[in-house]
Protein backbone atom coordinates (compact mmCIF):
# COMPACT_ATOMS: atom_id res chain seq x y z
CA MET A 1 23.72 -151.43 -7.56
CA GLN A 2 20.81 -149.51 -8.12
CA TYR A 3 18.41 -148.46 -5.08
CA PRO A 4 15.67 -150.93 -5.53
CA GLN A 5 18.15 -153.84 -5.76
CA PHE A 6 19.83 -152.33 -2.53
CA LEU A 7 16.53 -152.43 -0.66
CA THR A 8 16.17 -156.23 -1.66
CA GLU A 9 19.44 -156.91 -0.22
CA MET A 10 18.50 -155.12 2.83
CA GLU A 11 15.50 -157.18 3.23
CA ASP A 12 17.65 -160.25 3.29
CA ILE A 13 20.05 -158.69 5.72
CA LEU A 14 17.46 -157.57 8.05
CA ASP A 15 15.35 -160.83 7.58
CA MET A 16 12.34 -158.83 6.51
CA PRO A 17 9.52 -160.01 4.00
CA ARG A 18 9.84 -158.88 0.31
CA ALA A 19 8.69 -155.32 -0.38
CA SER A 20 8.63 -154.33 3.22
CA VAL A 21 11.89 -152.41 3.65
CA THR A 22 11.86 -148.79 2.71
CA GLY A 23 14.45 -146.04 3.06
CA SER A 24 12.68 -144.71 6.11
CA VAL A 25 13.01 -147.92 8.13
CA VAL A 26 14.76 -147.18 11.42
CA LEU A 27 17.47 -149.47 12.03
CA ALA A 28 17.24 -149.42 15.83
CA GLN A 29 13.79 -150.59 15.58
CA CYS A 30 14.72 -153.76 13.56
CA GLU A 31 15.39 -156.86 15.81
CA ALA A 32 17.68 -158.23 13.22
CA TRP A 33 20.01 -155.06 13.04
CA ASP A 34 22.75 -156.58 15.11
CA SER A 35 26.49 -157.13 14.69
CA LEU A 36 25.95 -159.87 12.22
CA ALA A 37 23.66 -157.70 10.17
CA MET A 38 26.24 -154.90 10.37
CA LEU A 39 28.89 -157.31 9.13
CA CYS A 40 26.72 -158.69 6.27
CA PHE A 41 26.09 -155.06 5.28
CA THR A 42 29.71 -154.09 5.07
CA VAL A 43 30.42 -157.01 3.00
CA MET A 44 27.62 -156.17 0.61
CA ALA A 45 28.87 -152.55 0.36
CA SER A 46 32.27 -153.71 -0.33
CA GLU A 47 31.14 -156.20 -2.95
CA ASN A 48 28.68 -154.07 -4.87
CA PHE A 49 29.94 -150.55 -4.17
CA GLY A 50 33.69 -151.02 -3.59
CA ARG A 51 33.52 -149.31 -0.23
CA GLU A 52 35.00 -149.95 2.96
CA ILE A 53 32.73 -148.33 5.57
CA PRO A 54 34.33 -147.71 8.97
CA GLY A 55 32.36 -148.91 11.93
CA ARG A 56 32.21 -145.40 13.46
CA LEU A 57 30.33 -144.33 10.28
CA LEU A 58 28.19 -147.28 10.44
CA ARG A 59 27.16 -146.58 13.94
CA CYS A 60 25.94 -143.13 12.82
CA ALA A 61 23.44 -144.83 10.29
CA ARG A 62 19.90 -144.36 11.76
CA THR A 63 17.85 -145.51 8.63
CA VAL A 64 18.28 -147.66 5.74
CA ASP A 65 18.64 -144.56 3.62
CA ASP A 66 21.55 -143.66 5.80
CA LEU A 67 23.07 -146.96 4.77
CA TYR A 68 22.63 -146.40 1.17
CA ALA A 69 24.11 -142.95 1.40
CA LEU A 70 27.24 -144.64 3.03
CA SER A 71 27.33 -147.14 0.29
CA ALA A 72 26.76 -145.11 -2.80
CA THR A 73 28.42 -141.79 -2.03
CA ASP A 74 31.46 -140.27 -0.43
CA ALA A 75 29.13 -138.46 2.09
CA GLY A 76 29.73 -139.05 5.60
CA LEU A 77 26.77 -139.18 8.24
CA CYS A 78 28.57 -137.51 11.22
CA GLU A 79 31.86 -136.16 12.11
CA PRO A 80 34.79 -138.43 12.96
CA ALA A 81 35.02 -138.92 16.73
């Protein structure tokens, strides 16, 4: 999945208007970023990137770009607890 398509998927997950989500969107400031959105994101990452993202890494994500990094690369955002 290319980055523009990822942003479109995140618009759906975050229930935001088209072309309103950028990589710098802060998840904590999104009313829709809740446990259901996290579940939808993990399913999307699994289906489109073949990645299983552990909750401890998902909780480290602060922005939409952080979520893309978790999905598209092997890079972690924080050290395991």
